[in-house]
């Protein structure tokens, strides 16, 4: 994954016990944990148990992480292990070993990598969207509704002519693509703008 300075900063600050850094990490990576639990078909109660266990492991290990930028991968692997434990009755494997990345099913590893990439994309997109001006945030939100919001309604809600919606969308998307968080993903060939891809 990309070497995200924001993740490094959050992990470093969380390691000193800074509450706001912990809150930011939980907000950013809880969807990753939940998505892995969902792919493993855990029910809500088991997924909550897994999530609590993963965050508790991080509290215990945050000071020992050699590479803070590797946190997303660490969270994905730890979540896989916890899911594996739950799916096998929270007991040890037949040989007495705790599951690790080497003895997890291949389909879980691939899925976790996909989930990790998706979580990184979503975190970058959230960060970039929050930095856009309010009028761009509103316009892009209306353009990505399901079912689609008619242009006449967008025009009425935002007080802009229908003919200016397309050009405004292009300007907002250009700003979004130039944001450092999105630019880093685009450079890595990993970014798509959900519901907006190909819009010009």
C-alpha atoms as a PDB file:
ATOM      1  CA  UNK A   1       0.000   0.000   0.000  1.00  0.00           C
ATOM      2  CA  UNK A   2       0.994   3.604  -0.357  1.00  0.00           C
ATOM      3  CA  UNK A   3       3.236   5.191   2.238  1.00  0.00           C
ATOM      4  CA  UNK A   4       0.614   7.531   3.690  1.00  0.00           C
ATOM      5  CA  UNK A   5       2.128  10.270   5.896  1.00  0.00           C
ATOM      6  CA  UNK A   6      -1.247  10.780   7.568  1.00  0.00           C
ATOM      7  CA  UNK A   7      -1.370   7.141   8.688  1.00  0.00           C
ATOM      8  CA  UNK A   8       2.203   7.356   9.984  1.00  0.00           C
ATOM      9  CA  UNK A   9       1.314  10.509  11.922  1.00  0.00           C
ATOM     10  CA  UNK A  10      -1.877   8.993  13.384  1.00  0.00           C
ATOM     11  CA  UNK A  11      -0.119   5.789  14.449  1.00  0.00           C
ATOM     12  CA  UNK A  12       2.745   7.737  16.019  1.00  0.00           C
ATOM     13  CA  UNK A  13       0.351   9.983  17.943  1.00  0.00           C
ATOM     14  CA  UNK A  14      -1.838   7.039  18.966  1.00  0.00           C
ATOM     15  CA  UNK A  15       1.292   5.364  20.306  1.00  0.00           C
ATOM     16  CA  UNK A  16       1.670   8.259  22.745  1.00  0.00           C
ATOM     17  CA  UNK A  17      -1.935   7.818  23.863  1.00  0.00           C
ATOM     18  CA  UNK A  18      -3.462  10.751  21.988  1.00  0.00           C
ATOM     19  CA  UNK A  19      -7.224  10.159  22.010  1.00  0.00           C
ATOM     20  CA  UNK A  20      -8.000  12.139  18.842  1.00  0.00           C
ATOM     21  CA  UNK A  21      -5.490  10.020  16.890  1.00  0.00           C
ATOM     22  CA  UNK A  22      -7.117   6.820  18.157  1.00  0.00           C
ATOM     23  CA  UNK A  23     -10.554   8.127  17.198  1.00  0.00           C
ATOM     24  CA  UNK A  24      -9.304   8.996  13.708  1.00  0.00           C
ATOM     25  CA  UNK A  25      -7.792   5.517  13.250  1.00  0.00           C
ATOM     26  CA  UNK A  26     -11.000   3.829  14.385  1.00  0.00           C
ATOM     27  CA  UNK A  27     -13.098   6.000  12.032  1.00  0.00           C
ATOM     28  CA  UNK A  28     -10.758   5.385   9.115  1.00  0.00           C
ATOM     29  CA  UNK A  29     -10.288   1.633   9.465  1.00  0.00           C
ATOM     30  CA  UNK A  30     -13.467   0.283  11.083  1.00  0.00           C
ATOM     31  CA  UNK A  31     -15.014  -0.174   7.606  1.00  0.00           C
ATOM     32  CA  UNK A  32     -12.037  -2.374   6.653  1.00  0.00           C
ATOM     33  CA  UNK A  33     -12.568  -4.582   9.710  1.00  0.00           C
ATOM     34  CA  UNK A  34     -16.323  -4.801   9.135  1.00  0.00           C
ATOM     35  CA  UNK A  35     -15.918  -5.655   5.461  1.00  0.00           C
ATOM     36  CA  UNK A  36     -13.573  -8.549   6.234  1.00  0.00           C
ATOM     37  CA  UNK A  37     -15.999  -9.831   8.882  1.00  0.00           C
ATOM     38  CA  UNK A  38     -18.832  -9.579   6.347  1.00  0.00           C
ATOM     39  CA  UNK A  39     -16.838 -11.504   3.721  1.00  0.00           C
ATOM     40  CA  UNK A  40     -16.207 -14.195   6.328  1.00  0.00           C
ATOM     41  CA  UNK A  41     -19.992 -14.300   6.914  1.00  0.00           C
ATOM     42  CA  UNK A  42     -19.845 -13.466  10.600  1.00  0.00           C
ATOM     43  CA  UNK A  43     -23.046 -12.320  12.239  1.00  0.00           C
ATOM     44  CA  UNK A  44     -23.231  -8.882  13.857  1.00  0.00           C
ATOM     45  CA  UNK A  45     -22.381 -10.081  17.376  1.00  0.00           C
ATOM     46  CA  UNK A  46     -19.324 -12.036  16.201  1.00  0.00           C
ATOM     47  CA  UNK A  47     -18.219  -9.132  13.989  1.00  0.00           C
ATOM     48  CA  UNK A  48     -18.435  -6.780  16.972  1.00  0.00           C
ATOM     49  CA  UNK A  49     -16.374  -9.225  19.043  1.00  0.00           C
ATOM     50  CA  UNK A  50     -13.782  -9.433  16.278  1.00  0.00           C
ATOM     51  CA  UNK A  51     -13.654  -5.641  15.982  1.00  0.00           C
ATOM     52  CA  UNK A  52     -13.131  -5.214  19.714  1.00  0.00           C
ATOM     53  CA  UNK A  53     -10.423  -7.872  19.719  1.00  0.00           C
ATOM     54  CA  UNK A  54      -8.608  -6.238  16.781  1.00  0.00           C
ATOM     55  CA  UNK A  55      -8.610  -2.779  18.395  1.00  0.00           C
ATOM     56  CA  UNK A  56      -7.496  -4.279  21.713  1.00  0.00           C
ATOM     57  CA  UNK A  57      -4.589  -5.997  19.935  1.00  0.00           C
ATOM     58  CA  UNK A  58      -3.661  -2.659  18.397  1.00  0.00           C
ATOM     59  CA  UNK A  59      -3.738  -0.919  21.783  1.00  0.00           C
ATOM     60  CA  UNK A  60      -1.318  -3.571  23.034  1.00  0.00           C
ATOM     61  CA  UNK A  61       0.931  -3.505  19.949  1.00  0.00           C
ATOM     62  CA  UNK A  62       0.862   0.071  18.641  1.00  0.00           C
ATOM     63  CA  UNK A  63       4.159   0.907  20.312  1.00  0.00           C
ATOM     64  CA  UNK A  64       5.794  -2.165  18.756  1.00  0.00           C
ATOM     65  CA  UNK A  65       4.824  -1.557  15.119  1.00  0.00           C
ATOM     66  CA  UNK A  66       8.092  -1.326  13.182  1.00  0.00           C
ATOM     67  CA  UNK A  67       6.469   0.375  10.215  1.00  0.00           C
ATOM     68  CA  UNK A  68       3.513   2.620  11.098  1.00  0.00           C
ATOM     69  CA  UNK A  69       2.606   2.907   7.394  1.00  0.00           C
ATOM     70  CA  UNK A  70       1.922  -0.851   7.406  1.00  0.00           C
ATOM     71  CA  UNK A  71      -0.975  -0.445   9.861  1.00  0.00           C
ATOM     72  CA  UNK A  72      -3.728  -1.165   7.285  1.00  0.00           C
ATOM     73  CA  UNK A  73      -2.105  -4.480   6.393  1.00  0.00           C
ATOM     74  CA  UNK A  74      -1.594  -5.289  10.075  1.00  0.00           C
ATOM     75  CA  UNK A  75      -5.281  -4.602  10.753  1.00  0.00           C
ATOM     76  CA  UNK A  76      -6.371  -6.770   7.804  1.00  0.00           C
ATOM     77  CA  UNK A  77      -4.189  -9.695   8.894  1.00  0.00           C
ATOM     78  CA  UNK A  78      -5.249  -9.393  12.539  1.00  0.00           C
ATOM     79  CA  UNK A  79      -8.914  -9.271  11.504  1.00  0.00           C
ATOM     80  CA  UNK A  80      -8.432 -12.386   9.362  1.00  0.00           C
ATOM     81  CA  UNK A  81      -6.926 -14.209  12.331  1.00  0.00           C
ATOM     82  CA  UNK A  82      -9.777 -13.202  14.616  1.00  0.00           C
ATOM     83  CA  UNK A  83     -12.387 -14.225  12.026  1.00  0.00           C
ATOM     84  CA  UNK A  84     -10.629 -17.558  11.617  1.00  0.00           C
ATOM     85  CA  UNK A  85     -10.699 -18.049  15.393  1.00  0.00           C
ATOM     86  CA  UNK A  86     -14.419 -17.307  15.552  1.00  0.00           C
ATOM     87  CA  UNK A  87     -15.223 -19.574  12.614  1.00  0.00           C
ATOM     88  CA  UNK A  88     -13.404 -22.424  14.298  1.00  0.00           C
ATOM     89  CA  UNK A  89     -15.175 -22.148  17.614  1.00  0.00           C
ATOM     90  CA  UNK A  90     -12.591 -19.806  19.135  1.00  0.00           C
ATOM     91  CA  UNK A  91     -10.325 -22.744  19.692  1.00  0.00           C
ATOM     92  CA  UNK A  92      -6.788 -23.503  18.675  1.00  0.00           C
ATOM     93  CA  UNK A  93      -5.973 -25.450  15.538  1.00  0.00           C
ATOM     94  CA  UNK A  94      -5.445 -29.182  15.821  1.00  0.00           C
ATOM     95  CA  UNK A  95      -1.671 -28.748  16.102  1.00  0.00           C
ATOM     96  CA  UNK A  96      -2.073 -26.222  18.916  1.00  0.00           C
ATOM     97  CA  UNK A  97      -0.923 -23.232  16.890  1.00  0.00           C
ATOM     98  CA  UNK A  98      -2.678 -19.877  16.708  1.00  0.00           C
ATOM     99  CA  UNK A  99      -3.683 -19.120  13.111  1.00  0.00           C
ATOM    100  CA  UNK A 100      -1.406 -16.759  11.230  1.00  0.00           C
ATOM    101  CA  UNK A 101      -1.184 -15.342   7.741  1.00  0.00           C
ATOM    102  CA  UNK A 102       0.631 -18.454   6.483  1.00  0.00           C
ATOM    103  CA  UNK A 103      -2.230 -20.843   7.294  1.00  0.00           C
ATOM    104  CA  UNK A 104      -5.205 -18.711   6.322  1.00  0.00           C
ATOM    105  CA  UNK A 105      -7.155 -19.798   3.233  1.00  0.00           C
ATOM    106  CA  UNK A 106      -5.882 -18.156   0.035  1.00  0.00           C
ATOM    107  CA  UNK A 107      -9.330 -16.756  -0.760  1.00  0.00           C
ATOM    108  CA  UNK A 108      -9.232 -14.796   2.520  1.00  0.00           C
ATOM    109  CA  UNK A 109      -5.828 -13.327   1.746  1.00  0.00           C
ATOM    110  CA  UNK A 110      -6.941 -12.104  -1.681  1.00  0.00           C
ATOM    111  CA  UNK A 111     -10.154 -10.732  -0.214  1.00  0.00           C
ATOM    112  CA  UNK A 112      -8.301  -8.915   2.551  1.00  0.00           C
ATOM    113  CA  UNK A 113      -5.988  -7.272   0.014  1.00  0.00           C
ATOM    114  CA  UNK A 114      -9.019  -6.142  -1.980  1.00  0.00           C
ATOM    115  CA  UNK A 115     -10.739  -4.865   1.158  1.00  0.00           C
ATOM    116  CA  UNK A 116      -7.588  -3.055   2.225  1.00  0.00           C
ATOM    117  CA  UNK A 117      -7.304  -1.324  -1.141  1.00  0.00           C
ATOM    118  CA  UNK A 118     -10.971  -0.356  -1.000  1.00  0.00           C
ATOM    119  CA  UNK A 119     -10.592   1.040   2.534  1.00  0.00           C
ATOM    120  CA  UNK A 120      -7.613   3.117   1.424  1.00  0.00           C
ATOM    121  CA  UNK A 121      -9.562   4.437  -1.569  1.00  0.00           C
ATOM    122  CA  UNK A 122     -12.503   5.386   0.598  1.00  0.00           C
ATOM    123  CA  UNK A 123     -10.304   7.082   3.204  1.00  0.00           C
ATOM    124  CA  UNK A 124      -8.549   9.093   0.490  1.00  0.00           C
ATOM    125  CA  UNK A 125     -11.836  10.043  -1.137  1.00  0.00           C
ATOM    126  CA  UNK A 126     -13.369  11.121   2.197  1.00  0.00           C
ATOM    127  CA  UNK A 127     -10.312  13.236   2.950  1.00  0.00           C
ATOM    128  CA  UNK A 128     -10.358  14.868  -0.483  1.00  0.00           C
ATOM    129  CA  UNK A 129     -14.116  15.507  -0.427  1.00  0.00           C
ATOM    130  CA  UNK A 130     -13.909  17.165   2.986  1.00  0.00           C
ATOM    131  CA  UNK A 131     -11.319  19.587   1.599  1.00  0.00           C
ATOM    132  CA  UNK A 132     -13.531  20.680  -1.312  1.00  0.00           C
ATOM    133  CA  UNK A 133     -15.582  23.878  -1.051  1.00  0.00           C
ATOM    134  CA  UNK A 134     -19.123  23.337   0.261  1.00  0.00           C
ATOM    135  CA  UNK A 135     -20.704  24.011  -3.152  1.00  0.00           C
ATOM    136  CA  UNK A 136     -18.590  21.224  -4.730  1.00  0.00           C
ATOM    137  CA  UNK A 137     -19.426  18.816  -1.897  1.00  0.00           C
ATOM    138  CA  UNK A 138     -23.139  19.481  -2.382  1.00  0.00           C
ATOM    139  CA  UNK A 139     -23.001  19.168  -6.152  1.00  0.00           C
ATOM    140  CA  UNK A 140     -21.036  15.912  -6.139  1.00  0.00           C
ATOM    141  CA  UNK A 141     -23.306  14.458  -3.441  1.00  0.00           C
ATOM    142  CA  UNK A 142     -26.384  15.223  -5.552  1.00  0.00           C
ATOM    143  CA  UNK A 143     -24.752  13.785  -8.680  1.00  0.00           C
ATOM    144  CA  UNK A 144     -24.047  10.454  -6.968  1.00  0.00           C
ATOM    145  CA  UNK A 145     -27.486   9.746  -5.484  1.00  0.00           C
ATOM    146  CA  UNK A 146     -29.267   6.517  -6.315  1.00  0.00           C
ATOM    147  CA  UNK A 147     -31.602   6.918  -8.091  1.00  0.00           C
ATOM    148  CA  UNK A 148     -30.002   9.882  -9.860  1.00  0.00           C
ATOM    149  CA  UNK A 149     -31.231  13.349  -8.953  1.00  0.00           C
ATOM    150  CA  UNK A 150     -32.642  15.114 -12.039  1.00  0.00           C
ATOM    151  CA  UNK A 151     -30.643  18.128 -13.223  1.00  0.00           C
ATOM    152  CA  UNK A 152     -33.723  20.353 -12.801  1.00  0.00           C
ATOM    153  CA  UNK A 153     -33.870  19.416  -9.112  1.00  0.00           C
ATOM    154  CA  UNK A 154     -30.117  19.959  -8.672  1.00  0.00           C
ATOM    155  CA  UNK A 155     -30.512  23.355 -10.314  1.00  0.00           C
ATOM    156  CA  UNK A 156     -33.345  24.316  -7.956  1.00  0.00           C
ATOM    157  CA  UNK A 157     -31.613  23.032  -4.827  1.00  0.00           C
ATOM    158  CA  UNK A 158     -28.269  24.683  -5.516  1.00  0.00           C
ATOM    159  CA  UNK A 159     -29.588  27.789  -7.274  1.00  0.00           C
ATOM    160  CA  UNK A 160     -27.477  27.288 -10.398  1.00  0.00           C
ATOM    161  CA  UNK A 161     -28.531  27.049 -14.063  1.00  0.00           C
ATOM    162  CA  UNK A 162     -28.947  23.537 -15.480  1.00  0.00           C
ATOM    163  CA  UNK A 163     -26.372  24.388 -18.168  1.00  0.00           C
ATOM    164  CA  UNK A 164     -23.701  25.090 -15.558  1.00  0.00           C
ATOM    165  CA  UNK A 165     -24.015  21.738 -13.752  1.00  0.00           C
ATOM    166  CA  UNK A 166     -21.692  19.886 -16.176  1.00  0.00           C
ATOM    167  CA  UNK A 167     -18.939  22.533 -16.191  1.00  0.00           C
ATOM    168  CA  UNK A 168     -19.145  22.881 -12.392  1.00  0.00           C
ATOM    169  CA  UNK A 169     -18.943  19.100 -12.031  1.00  0.00           C
ATOM    170  CA  UNK A 170     -15.802  19.068 -14.203  1.00  0.00           C
ATOM    171  CA  UNK A 171     -14.148  21.785 -12.123  1.00  0.00           C
ATOM    172  CA  UNK A 172     -15.020  20.020  -8.864  1.00  0.00           C
ATOM    173  CA  UNK A 173     -13.723  16.680 -10.154  1.00  0.00           C
ATOM    174  CA  UNK A 174     -10.498  18.331 -11.323  1.00  0.00           C
ATOM    175  CA  UNK A 175      -9.991  19.747  -7.837  1.00  0.00           C
ATOM    176  CA  UNK A 176     -10.738  16.339  -6.360  1.00  0.00           C
ATOM    177  CA  UNK A 177      -8.221  14.594  -8.648  1.00  0.00           C
ATOM    178  CA  UNK A 178      -5.527  17.156  -7.777  1.00  0.00           C
ATOM    179  CA  UNK A 179      -5.935  16.583  -4.033  1.00  0.00           C
ATOM    180  CA  UNK A 180      -2.747  14.911  -2.710  1.00  0.00           C
ATOM    181  CA  UNK A 181      -4.647  11.912  -1.294  1.00  0.00           C
ATOM    182  CA  UNK A 182      -6.341  11.158  -4.625  1.00  0.00           C
ATOM    183  CA  UNK A 183      -3.284  12.040  -6.706  1.00  0.00           C
ATOM    184  CA  UNK A 184      -1.257   9.451  -4.760  1.00  0.00           C
ATOM    185  CA  UNK A 185      -3.816   6.758  -5.559  1.00  0.00           C
ATOM    186  CA  UNK A 186      -4.028   7.783  -9.213  1.00  0.00           C
ATOM    187  CA  UNK A 187      -0.232   7.637  -9.468  1.00  0.00           C
ATOM    188  CA  UNK A 188      -0.385   4.128  -8.015  1.00  0.00           C
ATOM    189  CA  UNK A 189      -3.077   3.205 -10.559  1.00  0.00           C
ATOM    190  CA  UNK A 190      -5.555   2.435  -7.790  1.00  0.00           C
ATOM    191  CA  UNK A 191      -8.116   5.232  -7.878  1.00  0.00           C
ATOM    192  CA  UNK A 192     -11.578   5.458  -9.253  1.00  0.00           C
ATOM    193  CA  UNK A 193     -14.074   8.095  -8.200  1.00  0.00           C
ATOM    194  CA  UNK A 194     -17.185   6.082  -7.300  1.00  0.00           C
ATOM    195  CA  UNK A 195     -20.168   7.134  -9.377  1.00  0.00           C
ATOM    196  CA  UNK A 196     -18.111   9.851 -11.045  1.00  0.00           C
ATOM    197  CA  UNK A 197     -15.563   7.932 -13.062  1.00  0.00           C
ATOM    198  CA  UNK A 198     -15.191   9.213 -16.576  1.00  0.00           C
ATOM    199  CA  UNK A 199     -17.185  12.355 -15.849  1.00  0.00           C
ATOM    200  CA  UNK A 200     -15.742  15.401 -17.488  1.00  0.00           C
END
